[in-house]
């Protein structure tokens, strides 16, 4: 099993993963990144108008392997009644 690191970004704020987790494959790492991104969205988007969330996967040597990004934008198209 390889150790994968899941660095996250919330708009301009970067949060490096210092511990990582051991997974069997890059496919499992991709699934973990999607789960992580969906949890970030659930916790952070409720009061947002514009937000960009990102999870970047890297290996033990620091090589970037994959990035998952969520762009969130709310536009009011009619006056609030």
PDB file of N, CA and C in Angstrom:
ATOM      1  N   UNK A   1       0.845  -1.186   0.000  1.00  0.00           N
ATOM      2  CA  UNK A   1       0.000   0.000   0.000  1.00  0.00           C
ATOM      3  C   UNK A   1       0.883   1.239   0.000  1.00  0.00           C
ATOM      4  N   UNK A   2       0.464   2.217  -0.769  1.00  0.00           N
ATOM      5  CA  UNK A   2       1.207   3.468  -0.865  1.00  0.00           C
ATOM      6  C   UNK A   2       0.543   4.538  -0.007  1.00  0.00           C
ATOM      7  N   UNK A   3       1.348   5.490   0.433  1.00  0.00           N
ATOM      8  CA  UNK A   3       0.813   6.621   1.189  1.00  0.00           C
ATOM      9  C   UNK A   3       0.516   7.754   0.211  1.00  0.00           C
ATOM     10  N   UNK A   4      -0.707   8.272   0.301  1.00  0.00           N
ATOM     11  CA  UNK A   4      -1.140   9.399  -0.518  1.00  0.00           C
ATOM     12  C   UNK A   4      -1.446  10.581   0.393  1.00  0.00           C
ATOM     13  N   UNK A   5      -1.101  11.762  -0.074  1.00  0.00           N
ATOM     14  CA  UNK A   5      -1.335  12.994   0.667  1.00  0.00           C
ATOM     15  C   UNK A   5      -2.388  13.810  -0.057  1.00  0.00           C
ATOM     16  N   UNK A   6      -3.297  14.392   0.712  1.00  0.00           N
ATOM     17  CA  UNK A   6      -4.433  15.121   0.159  1.00  0.00           C
ATOM     18  C   UNK A   6      -4.364  16.578   0.619  1.00  0.00           C
ATOM     19  N   UNK A   7      -3.657  17.381  -0.141  1.00  0.00           N
ATOM     20  CA  UNK A   7      -3.564  18.806   0.157  1.00  0.00           C
ATOM     21  C   UNK A   7      -4.866  19.468  -0.277  1.00  0.00           C
ATOM     22  N   UNK A   8      -5.338  20.431   0.502  1.00  0.00           N
ATOM     23  CA  UNK A   8      -6.592  21.093   0.163  1.00  0.00           C
ATOM     24  C   UNK A   8      -6.382  22.595   0.024  1.00  0.00           C
ATOM     25  N   UNK A   9      -7.286  23.177  -0.734  1.00  0.00           N
ATOM     26  CA  UNK A   9      -7.272  24.619  -0.946  1.00  0.00           C
ATOM     27  C   UNK A   9      -8.718  25.106  -0.859  1.00  0.00           C
ATOM     28  N   UNK A  10      -8.902  26.196  -0.125  1.00  0.00           N
ATOM     29  CA  UNK A  10     -10.198  26.861  -0.009  1.00  0.00           C
ATOM     30  C   UNK A  10      -9.964  28.290  -0.470  1.00  0.00           C
ATOM     31  N   UNK A  11     -10.409  28.595  -1.685  1.00  0.00           N
ATOM     32  CA  UNK A  11     -10.067  29.853  -2.349  1.00  0.00           C
ATOM     33  C   UNK A  11      -8.543  29.980  -2.338  1.00  0.00           C
ATOM     34  N   UNK A  12      -7.995  31.000  -1.721  1.00  0.00           N
ATOM     35  CA  UNK A  12      -6.540  31.198  -1.758  1.00  0.00           C
ATOM     36  C   UNK A  12      -5.815  30.509  -0.601  1.00  0.00           C
ATOM     37  N   UNK A  13      -6.539  29.969   0.363  1.00  0.00           N
ATOM     38  CA  UNK A  13      -5.917  29.335   1.524  1.00  0.00           C
ATOM     39  C   UNK A  13      -5.509  27.895   1.203  1.00  0.00           C
ATOM     40  N   UNK A  14      -4.246  27.571   1.456  1.00  0.00           N
ATOM     41  CA  UNK A  14      -3.695  26.251   1.168  1.00  0.00           C
ATOM     42  C   UNK A  14      -3.430  25.504   2.472  1.00  0.00           C
ATOM     43  N   UNK A  15      -3.845  24.247   2.519  1.00  0.00           N
ATOM     44  CA  UNK A  15      -3.678  23.421   3.710  1.00  0.00           C
ATOM     45  C   UNK A  15      -2.982  22.113   3.318  1.00  0.00           C
ATOM     46  N   UNK A  16      -1.679  22.009   3.570  1.00  0.00           N
ATOM     47  CA  UNK A  16      -0.971  20.776   3.207  1.00  0.00           C
ATOM     48  C   UNK A  16      -1.313  19.631   4.156  1.00  0.00           C
ATOM     49  N   UNK A  17      -1.385  18.447   3.597  1.00  0.00           N
ATOM     50  CA  UNK A  17      -1.611  17.233   4.379  1.00  0.00           C
ATOM     51  C   UNK A  17      -0.242  16.735   4.838  1.00  0.00           C
ATOM     52  N   UNK A  18      -0.029  16.709   6.128  1.00  0.00           N
ATOM     53  CA  UNK A  18       1.265  16.312   6.666  1.00  0.00           C
ATOM     54  C   UNK A  18       1.339  14.828   7.016  1.00  0.00           C
ATOM     55  N   UNK A  19       0.206  14.135   7.000  1.00  0.00           N
ATOM     56  CA  UNK A  19       0.178  12.751   7.447  1.00  0.00           C
ATOM     57  C   UNK A  19      -0.103  11.754   6.329  1.00  0.00           C
ATOM     58  N   UNK A  20      -1.035  12.068   5.457  1.00  0.00           N
ATOM     59  CA  UNK A  20      -1.404  11.163   4.378  1.00  0.00           C
ATOM     60  C   UNK A  20      -2.137   9.942   4.893  1.00  0.00           C
ATOM     61  N   UNK A  21      -2.590   9.118   3.971  1.00  0.00           N
ATOM     62  CA  UNK A  21      -3.226   7.846   4.323  1.00  0.00           C
ATOM     63  C   UNK A  21      -2.747   6.778   3.348  1.00  0.00           C
ATOM     64  N   UNK A  22      -2.716   5.559   3.829  1.00  0.00           N
ATOM     65  CA  UNK A  22      -2.283   4.438   2.994  1.00  0.00           C
ATOM     66  C   UNK A  22      -3.496   3.871   2.271  1.00  0.00           C
ATOM     67  N   UNK A  23      -3.350   3.740   0.960  1.00  0.00           N
ATOM     68  CA  UNK A  23      -4.407   3.187   0.123  1.00  0.00           C
ATOM     69  C   UNK A  23      -3.790   2.209  -0.866  1.00  0.00           C
ATOM     70  N   UNK A  24      -4.622   1.343  -1.405  1.00  0.00           N
ATOM     71  CA  UNK A  24      -4.124   0.305  -2.314  1.00  0.00           C
ATOM     72  C   UNK A  24      -3.814   0.811  -3.716  1.00  0.00           C
ATOM     73  N   UNK A  25      -4.501   1.881  -4.158  1.00  0.00           N
ATOM     74  CA  UNK A  25      -4.333   2.283  -5.551  1.00  0.00           C
ATOM     75  C   UNK A  25      -4.666   3.766  -5.737  1.00  0.00           C
ATOM     76  N   UNK A  26      -4.284   4.276  -6.889  1.00  0.00           N
ATOM     77  CA  UNK A  26      -4.632   5.651  -7.245  1.00  0.00           C
ATOM     78  C   UNK A  26      -6.146   5.779  -7.412  1.00  0.00           C
ATOM     79  N   UNK A  27      -6.781   4.712  -7.829  1.00  0.00           N
ATOM     80  CA  UNK A  27      -8.246   4.735  -7.945  1.00  0.00           C
ATOM     81  C   UNK A  27      -8.887   4.976  -6.575  1.00  0.00           C
ATOM     82  N   UNK A  28      -8.394   4.298  -5.539  1.00  0.00           N
ATOM     83  CA  UNK A  28      -8.909   4.531  -4.183  1.00  0.00           C
ATOM     84  C   UNK A  28      -8.596   5.957  -3.740  1.00  0.00           C
ATOM     85  N   UNK A  29      -7.439   6.465  -4.107  1.00  0.00           N
ATOM     86  CA  UNK A  29      -7.082   7.833  -3.765  1.00  0.00           C
ATOM     87  C   UNK A  29      -8.035   8.815  -4.444  1.00  0.00           C
ATOM     88  N   UNK A  30      -8.395   8.528  -5.683  1.00  0.00           N
ATOM     89  CA  UNK A  30      -9.357   9.384  -6.401  1.00  0.00           C
ATOM     90  C   UNK A  30     -10.699   9.392  -5.675  1.00  0.00           C
ATOM     91  N   UNK A  31     -11.159   8.225  -5.244  1.00  0.00           N
ATOM     92  CA  UNK A  31     -12.423   8.134  -4.513  1.00  0.00           C
ATOM     93  C   UNK A  31     -12.348   8.915  -3.201  1.00  0.00           C
ATOM     94  N   UNK A  32     -11.213   8.829  -2.531  1.00  0.00           N
ATOM     95  CA  UNK A  32     -11.019   9.571  -1.281  1.00  0.00           C
ATOM     96  C   UNK A  32     -11.024  11.072  -1.536  1.00  0.00           C
ATOM     97  N   UNK A  33     -10.411  11.511  -2.626  1.00  0.00           N
ATOM     98  CA  UNK A  33     -10.406  12.939  -2.974  1.00  0.00           C
ATOM     99  C   UNK A  33     -11.824  13.431  -3.238  1.00  0.00           C
ATOM    100  N   UNK A  34     -12.617  12.643  -3.940  1.00  0.00           N
ATOM    101  CA  UNK A  34     -14.005  13.019  -4.213  1.00  0.00           C
ATOM    102  C   UNK A  34     -14.802  13.099  -2.913  1.00  0.00           C
ATOM    103  N   UNK A  35     -14.588  12.151  -2.019  1.00  0.00           N
ATOM    104  CA  UNK A  35     -15.280  12.168  -0.724  1.00  0.00           C
ATOM    105  C   UNK A  35     -14.876  13.397   0.081  1.00  0.00           C
ATOM    106  N   UNK A  36     -13.591  13.683   0.099  1.00  0.00           N
ATOM    107  CA  UNK A  36     -13.070  14.844   0.822  1.00  0.00           C
ATOM    108  C   UNK A  36     -13.655  16.140   0.255  1.00  0.00           C
ATOM    109  N   UNK A  37     -13.688  16.247  -1.058  1.00  0.00           N
ATOM    110  CA  UNK A  37     -14.222  17.444  -1.711  1.00  0.00           C
ATOM    111  C   UNK A  37     -15.709  17.615  -1.411  1.00  0.00           C
ATOM    112  N   UNK A  38     -16.455  16.533  -1.409  1.00  0.00           N
ATOM    113  CA  UNK A  38     -17.887  16.636  -1.111  1.00  0.00           C
ATOM    114  C   UNK A  38     -18.120  17.038   0.343  1.00  0.00           C
ATOM    115  N   UNK A  39     -17.289  16.567   1.264  1.00  0.00           N
ATOM    116  CA  UNK A  39     -17.410  16.977   2.667  1.00  0.00           C
ATOM    117  C   UNK A  39     -17.055  18.451   2.829  1.00  0.00           C
ATOM    118  N   UNK A  40     -16.021  18.894   2.132  1.00  0.00           N
ATOM    119  CA  UNK A  40     -15.662  20.315   2.183  1.00  0.00           C
ATOM    120  C   UNK A  40     -16.830  21.160   1.676  1.00  0.00           C
ATOM    121  N   UNK A  41     -17.441  20.736   0.572  1.00  0.00           N
ATOM    122  CA  UNK A  41     -18.562  21.477  -0.006  1.00  0.00           C
ATOM    123  C   UNK A  41     -19.718  21.540   0.984  1.00  0.00           C
ATOM    124  N   UNK A  42     -20.036  20.425   1.603  1.00  0.00           N
ATOM    125  CA  UNK A  42     -21.136  20.383   2.577  1.00  0.00           C
ATOM    126  C   UNK A  42     -20.880  21.355   3.731  1.00  0.00           C
ATOM    127  N   UNK A  43     -19.637  21.407   4.200  1.00  0.00           N
ATOM    128  CA  UNK A  43     -19.317  22.225   5.361  1.00  0.00           C
ATOM    129  C   UNK A  43     -19.117  23.701   5.035  1.00  0.00           C
ATOM    130  N   UNK A  44     -18.720  24.030   3.813  1.00  0.00           N
ATOM    131  CA  UNK A  44     -18.276  25.394   3.523  1.00  0.00           C
ATOM    132  C   UNK A  44     -19.159  26.196   2.575  1.00  0.00           C
ATOM    133  N   UNK A  45     -20.014  25.564   1.791  1.00  0.00           N
ATOM    134  CA  UNK A  45     -20.723  26.294   0.736  1.00  0.00           C
ATOM    135  C   UNK A  45     -22.033  26.937   1.157  1.00  0.00           C
ATOM    136  N   UNK A  46     -22.587  26.579   2.282  1.00  0.00           N
ATOM    137  CA  UNK A  46     -23.924  27.033   2.652  1.00  0.00           C
ATOM    138  C   UNK A  46     -24.085  28.548   2.572  1.00  0.00           C
ATOM    139  N   UNK A  47     -23.129  29.300   3.053  1.00  0.00           N
ATOM    140  CA  UNK A  47     -23.238  30.763   3.052  1.00  0.00           C
ATOM    141  C   UNK A  47     -22.338  31.421   2.012  1.00  0.00           C
ATOM    142  N   UNK A  48     -21.899  30.665   1.044  1.00  0.00           N
ATOM    143  CA  UNK A  48     -20.977  31.183   0.038  1.00  0.00           C
ATOM    144  C   UNK A  48     -21.719  31.680  -1.193  1.00  0.00           C
ATOM    145  N   UNK A  49     -21.079  32.610  -1.873  1.00  0.00           N
ATOM    146  CA  UNK A  49     -21.570  33.087  -3.158  1.00  0.00           C
ATOM    147  C   UNK A  49     -20.587  32.669  -4.251  1.00  0.00           C
ATOM    148  N   UNK A  50     -19.304  32.813  -3.953  1.00  0.00           N
ATOM    149  CA  UNK A  50     -18.244  32.383  -4.866  1.00  0.00           C
ATOM    150  C   UNK A  50     -17.213  31.629  -4.043  1.00  0.00           C
ATOM    151  N   UNK A  51     -16.887  30.435  -4.495  1.00  0.00           N
ATOM    152  CA  UNK A  51     -15.908  29.638  -3.744  1.00  0.00           C
ATOM    153  C   UNK A  51     -15.257  28.643  -4.683  1.00  0.00           C
ATOM    154  N   UNK A  52     -13.983  28.408  -4.476  1.00  0.00           N
ATOM    155  CA  UNK A  52     -13.283  27.362  -5.210  1.00  0.00           C
ATOM    156  C   UNK A  52     -12.614  26.449  -4.197  1.00  0.00           C
ATOM    157  N   UNK A  53     -12.956  25.171  -4.262  1.00  0.00           N
ATOM    158  CA  UNK A  53     -12.401  24.166  -3.371  1.00  0.00           C
ATOM    159  C   UNK A  53     -11.595  23.188  -4.206  1.00  0.00           C
ATOM    160  N   UNK A  54     -10.484  22.738  -3.640  1.00  0.00           N
ATOM    161  CA  UNK A  54      -9.607  21.853  -4.405  1.00  0.00           C
ATOM    162  C   UNK A  54      -8.949  20.835  -3.486  1.00  0.00           C
ATOM    163  N   UNK A  55      -8.779  19.637  -3.997  1.00  0.00           N
ATOM    164  CA  UNK A  55      -8.009  18.598  -3.331  1.00  0.00           C
ATOM    165  C   UNK A  55      -6.960  18.130  -4.336  1.00  0.00           C
ATOM    166  N   UNK A  56      -5.700  18.188  -3.924  1.00  0.00           N
ATOM    167  CA  UNK A  56      -4.629  17.700  -4.785  1.00  0.00           C
ATOM    168  C   UNK A  56      -3.980  16.507  -4.119  1.00  0.00           C
ATOM    169  N   UNK A  57      -3.829  15.437  -4.876  1.00  0.00           N
ATOM    170  CA  UNK A  57      -3.218  14.216  -4.364  1.00  0.00           C
ATOM    171  C   UNK A  57      -1.755  14.202  -4.783  1.00  0.00           C
ATOM    172  N   UNK A  58      -0.896  13.885  -3.809  1.00  0.00           N
ATOM    173  CA  UNK A  58       0.517  13.706  -4.130  1.00  0.00           C
ATOM    174  C   UNK A  58       1.006  12.429  -3.468  1.00  0.00           C
ATOM    175  N   UNK A  59       2.111  11.911  -3.986  1.00  0.00           N
ATOM    176  CA  UNK A  59       2.667  10.679  -3.440  1.00  0.00           C
ATOM    177  C   UNK A  59       3.733  10.990  -2.388  1.00  0.00           C
ATOM    178  N   UNK A  60       4.352   9.949  -1.861  1.00  0.00           N
ATOM    179  CA  UNK A  60       5.342  10.106  -0.787  1.00  0.00           C
ATOM    180  C   UNK A  60       6.564  10.909  -1.223  1.00  0.00           C
ATOM    181  N   UNK A  61       6.838  10.915  -2.514  1.00  0.00           N
ATOM    182  CA  UNK A  61       7.982  11.679  -3.021  1.00  0.00           C
ATOM    183  C   UNK A  61       7.615  13.132  -3.315  1.00  0.00           C
ATOM    184  N   UNK A  62       6.349  13.487  -3.135  1.00  0.00           N
ATOM    185  CA  UNK A  62       5.908  14.856  -3.378  1.00  0.00           C
ATOM    186  C   UNK A  62       5.414  15.118  -4.790  1.00  0.00           C
ATOM    187  N   UNK A  63       5.320  14.078  -5.606  1.00  0.00           N
ATOM    188  CA  UNK A  63       4.842  14.231  -6.980  1.00  0.00           C
ATOM    189  C   UNK A  63       3.334  14.439  -7.007  1.00  0.00           C
ATOM    190  N   UNK A  64       2.876  15.481  -7.681  1.00  0.00           N
ATOM    191  CA  UNK A  64       1.444  15.717  -7.853  1.00  0.00           C
ATOM    192  C   UNK A  64       0.887  14.653  -8.792  1.00  0.00           C
ATOM    193  N   UNK A  65      -0.179  13.987  -8.357  1.00  0.00           N
ATOM    194  CA  UNK A  65      -0.757  12.887  -9.134  1.00  0.00           C
ATOM    195  C   UNK A  65      -2.112  13.226  -9.721  1.00  0.00           C
ATOM    196  N   UNK A  66      -2.895  14.019  -9.014  1.00  0.00           N
ATOM    197  CA  UNK A  66      -4.266  14.280  -9.443  1.00  0.00           C
ATOM    198  C   UNK A  66      -4.807  15.493  -8.697  1.00  0.00           C
ATOM    199  N   UNK A  67      -5.747  16.196  -9.336  1.00  0.00           N
ATOM    200  CA  UNK A  67      -6.386  17.338  -8.690  1.00  0.00           C
ATOM    201  C   UNK A  67      -7.884  17.280  -8.961  1.00  0.00           C
ATOM    202  N   UNK A  68      -8.674  17.494  -7.923  1.00  0.00           N
ATOM    203  CA  UNK A  68     -10.128  17.588  -8.055  1.00  0.00           C
ATOM    204  C   UNK A  68     -10.526  18.982  -7.589  1.00  0.00           C
ATOM    205  N   UNK A  69     -11.297  19.682  -8.413  1.00  0.00           N
ATOM    206  CA  UNK A  69     -11.656  21.068  -8.122  1.00  0.00           C
ATOM    207  C   UNK A  69     -13.162  21.248  -8.234  1.00  0.00           C
ATOM    208  N   UNK A  70     -13.715  22.038  -7.317  1.00  0.00           N
ATOM    209  CA  UNK A  70     -15.124  22.391  -7.357  1.00  0.00           C
ATOM    210  C   UNK A  70     -15.222  23.910  -7.403  1.00  0.00           C
ATOM    211  N   UNK A  71     -15.840  24.433  -8.464  1.00  0.00           N
ATOM    212  CA  UNK A  71     -16.084  25.873  -8.593  1.00  0.00           C
ATOM    213  C   UNK A  71     -17.543  26.105  -8.241  1.00  0.00           C
ATOM    214  N   UNK A  72     -17.792  26.992  -7.300  1.00  0.00           N
ATOM    215  CA  UNK A  72     -19.148  27.274  -6.844  1.00  0.00           C
ATOM    216  C   UNK A  72     -19.435  28.754  -7.053  1.00  0.00           C
ATOM    217  N   UNK A  73     -20.565  29.042  -7.695  1.00  0.00           N
ATOM    218  CA  UNK A  73     -20.926  30.434  -7.981  1.00  0.00           C
ATOM    219  C   UNK A  73     -22.446  30.548  -7.914  1.00  0.00           C
ATOM    220  N   UNK A  74     -22.927  31.530  -7.162  1.00  0.00           N
ATOM    221  CA  UNK A  74     -24.362  31.789  -7.066  1.00  0.00           C
ATOM    222  C   UNK A  74     -24.616  33.153  -7.678  1.00  0.00           C
ATOM    223  N   UNK A  75     -25.565  33.196  -8.604  1.00  0.00           N
ATOM    224  CA  UNK A  75     -25.948  34.460  -9.231  1.00  0.00           C
ATOM    225  C   UNK A  75     -27.437  34.669  -9.056  1.00  0.00           C
ATOM    226  N   UNK A  76     -27.815  35.786  -8.470  1.00  0.00           N
ATOM    227  CA  UNK A  76     -29.212  36.126  -8.285  1.00  0.00           C
ATOM    228  C   UNK A  76     -29.745  36.633  -9.616  1.00  0.00           C
ATOM    229  N   UNK A  77     -30.743  35.968 -10.169  1.00  0.00           N
ATOM    230  CA  UNK A  77     -31.279  36.341 -11.477  1.00  0.00           C
ATOM    231  C   UNK A  77     -32.588  37.096 -11.395  1.00  0.00           C
ATOM    232  N   UNK A  78     -33.185  37.154 -10.206  1.00  0.00           N
ATOM    233  CA  UNK A  78     -34.396  37.941 -10.023  1.00  0.00           C
ATOM    234  C   UNK A  78     -34.390  38.493  -8.595  1.00  0.00           C
ATOM    235  N   UNK A  79     -35.052  39.612  -8.382  1.00  0.00           N
ATOM    236  CA  UNK A  79     -35.057  40.187  -7.016  1.00  0.00           C
ATOM    237  C   UNK A  79     -35.686  39.235  -6.014  1.00  0.00           C
ATOM    238  N   UNK A  80     -35.143  39.235  -4.809  1.00  0.00           N
ATOM    239  CA  UNK A  80     -35.681  38.423  -3.724  1.00  0.00           C
ATOM    240  C   UNK A  80     -37.034  38.993  -3.318  1.00  0.00           C
ATOM    241  N   UNK A  81     -38.045  38.149  -3.239  1.00  0.00           N
ATOM    242  CA  UNK A  81     -39.400  38.640  -2.892  1.00  0.00           C
ATOM    243  C   UNK A  81     -39.771  38.211  -1.517  1.00  0.00           C
TER     244      UNK A  81
END
